[in-house]
Amino acid sequence: MPRPRSLSQDRIADAALAVLDRAGTDGLTMRAVAGELGTSPMALYRYVDDRGQLERWVVERVLSRVDLALPEGLPWAGRIELLLDRARAAVVTHPAVVPLVLTHRHAAPSSLRLIETMLAVLTEAGFTGTDRVVAQRALIGHLLGTLLLDHLGPLPGDGTETMAALPVDAFPHLAATAAHARQVAPADEFRLGLAALLRGLRPGSD
């Protein structure tokens, strides 16, 4: 199979994303990506060291699409909400990327730029020291946690249905909450949870 004249990092990452969208993480192999590019695995290895590097390139490609420009005049909480909503939207476009984001988020330059932008907003709002650490980790934790829960889907045996059917005399709150949870869309759960978290974050306690 002839070697393409040039393979850029973005082109290889786009091919890997196409494989992920079609076959999931189990299907992400050097052979599959090479086939997507119309080349051989050996030719691909001239550009990529191993699958780990390929995964990092994929995460970088996805997160590089997050617009970090924020409108002036918007309150700090609104800017954080907009930033994390953009990050979520970029990742959910490729659901199979979620586990890779969790694994390689600290190795992707665009991930670091996203966090730097968040920290700049928090700093401008008056968060310093421990306050800033806790706020940043709580916000990233909410983003990653909701992405992971959405990616994993329902519990085996449809856990929400099982919990909703629990006897109300023994589990009144759990049964009622599980029943209502079936009506909450993932995007709404992310947005409302983030709003609640932001209401609770206040600078100045450090």
Protein backbone atom coordinates (compact mmCIF):
# COMPACT_ATOMS: atom_id res chain seq x y z
CA MET A 1 0.00 0.00 0.00
CA PRO A 2 1.58 3.35 -0.99
CA ARG A 3 2.52 5.77 1.76
CA PRO A 4 0.67 9.10 1.73
CA ARG A 5 2.92 12.04 0.96
CA SER A 6 2.32 13.58 4.39
CA LEU A 7 0.34 12.76 7.50
CA SER A 8 -0.20 15.57 9.97
CA GLN A 9 -1.12 15.09 13.62
CA ASP A 10 -4.58 16.55 12.95
CA ARG A 11 -5.19 14.25 9.99
CA ILE A 12 -4.19 11.18 12.00
CA ALA A 13 -6.34 12.29 14.95
CA ASP A 14 -9.33 12.84 12.67
CA ALA A 15 -8.90 9.33 11.29
CA ALA A 16 -8.71 7.94 14.82
CA LEU A 17 -11.88 9.85 15.73
CA ALA A 18 -13.66 8.30 12.75
CA VAL A 19 -12.60 4.85 13.98
CA LEU A 20 -13.73 5.65 17.54
CA ASP A 21 -17.12 6.91 16.34
CA ARG A 22 -17.63 3.75 14.34
CA ALA A 23 -16.05 1.03 16.51
CA GLY A 24 -15.51 2.46 20.00
CA THR A 25 -12.32 2.29 22.06
CA ASP A 26 -11.94 -1.47 21.53
CA GLY A 27 -11.77 -0.84 17.80
CA LEU A 28 -9.10 1.85 18.04
CA THR A 29 -6.03 0.08 16.69
CA MET A 30 -3.11 1.25 14.63
CA ARG A 31 -4.26 -1.07 11.85
CA ALA A 32 -7.77 0.42 11.85
CA VAL A 33 -6.48 3.99 11.80
CA ALA A 34 -4.00 3.15 9.04
CA GLY A 35 -6.87 1.68 7.03
CA GLU A 36 -8.88 4.86 7.56
CA LEU A 37 -5.95 6.84 6.18
CA GLY A 38 -5.37 4.50 3.26
CA THR A 39 -1.91 3.49 4.40
CA SER A 40 -0.20 0.60 6.19
CA PRO A 41 0.34 0.23 9.95
CA MET A 42 4.11 0.34 9.42
CA ALA A 43 3.79 3.63 7.57
CA LEU A 44 1.65 5.03 10.39
CA TYR A 45 4.32 4.09 12.94
CA ARG A 46 6.63 6.55 11.21
CA TYR A 47 4.40 9.28 12.67
CA VAL A 48 2.97 7.77 15.86
CA ASP A 49 4.99 5.96 18.52
CA ASP A 50 2.18 3.83 19.93
CA ARG A 51 -1.52 3.73 20.80
CA GLY A 52 -0.94 5.90 23.86
CA GLN A 53 0.35 8.75 21.71
CA LEU A 54 -2.53 8.22 19.31
CA GLU A 55 -5.01 8.56 22.19
CA ARG A 56 -3.34 11.76 23.38
CA TRP A 57 -3.57 13.22 19.89
CA VAL A 58 -7.26 12.38 19.79
CA VAL A 59 -7.90 14.12 23.12
CA GLU A 60 -5.95 17.14 21.95
CA ARG A 61 -7.89 17.26 18.68
CA VAL A 62 -11.26 17.19 20.47
CA LEU A 63 -10.39 19.74 23.16
CA SER A 64 -8.67 22.06 20.67
CA ARG A 65 -12.15 22.77 19.31
CA VAL A 66 -13.29 24.36 22.58
CA ASP A 67 -13.63 28.11 22.09
CA LEU A 68 -11.78 29.75 24.99
CA ALA A 69 -12.78 33.31 24.07
CA LEU A 70 -15.27 34.63 26.64
CA PRO A 71 -17.51 37.69 26.29
CA GLU A 72 -16.61 40.73 28.36
CA GLY A 73 -19.09 41.94 30.92
CA LEU A 74 -20.42 38.47 31.72
CA PRO A 75 -20.26 37.61 35.46
CA TRP A 76 -17.56 35.14 36.43
CA ALA A 77 -20.05 32.32 37.04
CA GLY A 78 -21.57 32.87 33.61
CA ARG A 79 -18.15 32.67 31.99
CA ILE A 80 -17.32 29.44 33.80
CA GLU A 81 -20.68 27.99 32.80
CA LEU A 82 -20.14 28.93 29.16
CA LEU A 83 -16.63 27.50 29.14
CA LEU A 84 -17.60 24.15 30.65
CA ASP A 85 -20.68 23.89 28.44
CA ARG A 86 -18.45 24.32 25.40
CA ALA A 87 -16.05 21.66 26.71
CA ARG A 88 -18.90 19.22 27.30
CA ALA A 89 -20.34 19.88 23.84
CA ALA A 90 -16.98 19.15 22.21
CA VAL A 91 -16.58 15.82 24.00
CA VAL A 92 -20.14 14.47 23.71
CA THR A 93 -19.89 14.81 19.94
CA HIS A 94 -17.57 11.80 20.17
CA PRO A 95 -18.87 9.69 23.12
CA ALA A 96 -16.13 7.06 22.84
CA VAL A 97 -13.54 9.75 23.57
CA VAL A 98 -14.78 10.20 27.16
CA PRO A 99 -12.53 7.50 28.73
CA LEU A 100 -9.55 8.89 26.81
CA VAL A 101 -10.22 12.40 28.13
CA LEU A 102 -10.20 11.08 31.68
CA THR A 103 -6.92 9.26 31.08
CA HIS A 104 -5.01 11.87 29.08
CA ARG A 105 -6.50 15.22 30.14
CA HIS A 106 -3.23 16.38 31.74
CA ALA A 107 -1.18 15.49 28.65
CA ALA A 108 -3.23 17.53 26.15
CA PRO A 109 -2.10 21.16 25.72
CA SER A 110 -5.66 22.24 24.95
CA SER A 111 -6.83 20.71 28.23
CA LEU A 112 -4.20 22.73 30.09
CA ARG A 113 -5.26 25.89 28.26
CA LEU A 114 -8.88 25.21 29.22
CA ILE A 115 -7.92 24.90 32.89
CA GLU A 116 -5.70 27.99 32.66
CA THR A 117 -8.64 29.96 31.27
CA MET A 118 -10.88 28.73 34.09
CA LEU A 119 -8.29 29.68 36.69
CA ALA A 120 -7.94 33.14 35.16
CA VAL A 121 -11.70 33.67 35.53
CA LEU A 122 -11.66 32.39 39.10
CA THR A 123 -8.67 34.56 39.99
CA GLU A 124 -10.34 37.66 38.57
CA ALA A 125 -13.41 36.81 40.67
CA GLY A 126 -11.28 36.81 43.82
CA PHE A 127 -10.49 33.11 44.28
CA THR A 128 -6.98 32.49 45.61
CA GLY A 129 -5.08 29.74 47.40
CA THR A 130 -7.19 26.87 48.70
CA ASP A 131 -10.41 28.51 47.47
CA ARG A 132 -9.11 28.45 43.90
CA VAL A 133 -7.85 24.87 44.14
CA VAL A 134 -11.16 23.60 45.52
CA ALA A 135 -13.25 25.58 43.02
CA GLN A 136 -11.23 24.43 40.02
CA ARG A 137 -11.24 20.77 41.06
CA ALA A 138 -14.93 20.81 41.91
CA LEU A 139 -15.82 22.31 38.53
CA ILE A 140 -13.63 19.91 36.54
CA GLY A 141 -14.95 17.05 38.67
CA HIS A 142 -18.52 17.97 37.76
CA LEU A 143 -17.65 18.12 34.05
CA LEU A 144 -15.80 14.79 34.03
CA GLY A 145 -18.27 13.06 36.35
CA THR A 146 -21.32 13.91 34.27
CA LEU A 147 -19.49 12.99 31.06
CA LEU A 148 -18.56 9.61 32.53
CA LEU A 149 -22.04 8.87 33.87
CA ASP A 150 -23.56 9.79 30.53
CA HIS A 151 -20.99 7.62 28.71
CA LEU A 152 -21.57 4.60 30.95
CA GLY A 153 -25.33 4.82 30.49
CA PRO A 154 -27.90 3.00 32.66
CA LEU A 155 -26.72 0.58 35.30
CA PRO A 156 -26.81 -3.11 34.35
CA GLY A 157 -30.40 -4.35 34.52
CA ASP A 158 -31.62 -0.76 34.19
CA GLY A 159 -30.70 0.32 37.69
CA THR A 160 -32.89 3.42 37.61
CA GLU A 161 -35.97 1.30 36.93
CA THR A 162 -34.98 -1.09 39.70
CA MET A 163 -34.51 1.70 42.23
CA ALA A 164 -37.76 3.37 41.18
CA ALA A 165 -39.57 0.11 41.96
CA LEU A 166 -38.17 -0.17 45.49
CA PRO A 167 -40.77 -0.31 48.30
CA VAL A 168 -41.61 3.26 49.22
CA ASP A 169 -42.01 2.43 52.90
CA ALA A 170 -38.33 1.44 53.10
CA PHE A 171 -36.84 3.77 50.46
CA PRO A 172 -39.27 6.66 49.96
CA HIS A 173 -36.67 9.21 48.82
CA LEU A 174 -34.62 6.85 46.67
CA ALA A 175 -37.66 5.47 44.87
CA ALA A 176 -39.12 8.92 44.19
CA THR A 177 -35.80 10.37 43.04
CA ALA A 178 -35.07 7.41 40.74
CA ALA A 179 -38.51 7.71 39.18
CA HIS A 180 -37.97 11.40 38.50
CA ALA A 181 -34.40 10.85 37.24
CA ARG A 182 -35.78 9.11 34.15
CA GLN A 183 -37.27 12.45 33.07
CA VAL A 184 -34.02 14.46 33.35
CA ALA A 185 -31.97 14.73 30.15
CA PRO A 186 -28.17 14.48 30.53
CA ALA A 187 -27.66 18.03 29.23
CA ASP A 188 -30.15 19.39 31.78
CA GLU A 189 -28.55 17.40 34.58
CA PHE A 190 -25.17 18.87 33.66
CA ARG A 191 -26.47 22.42 33.40
CA LEU A 192 -28.56 22.40 36.58
CA GLY A 193 -25.84 20.66 38.59
CA LEU A 194 -23.27 23.18 37.42
CA ALA A 195 -25.57 26.07 38.34
CA ALA A 196 -26.02 24.64 41.83
CA LEU A 197 -22.27 24.19 42.21
CA LEU A 198 -21.54 27.72 41.07
CA ARG A 199 -24.07 29.15 43.55
CA GLY A 200 -22.15 27.46 46.35
CA LEU A 201 -18.69 28.70 45.31
CA ARG A 202 -17.68 31.95 46.93
CA PRO A 203 -14.20 33.52 47.13
CA GLY A 204 -12.70 34.84 50.33
CA SER A 205 -12.85 31.90 52.76
CA ASP A 206 -9.15 31.06 52.38
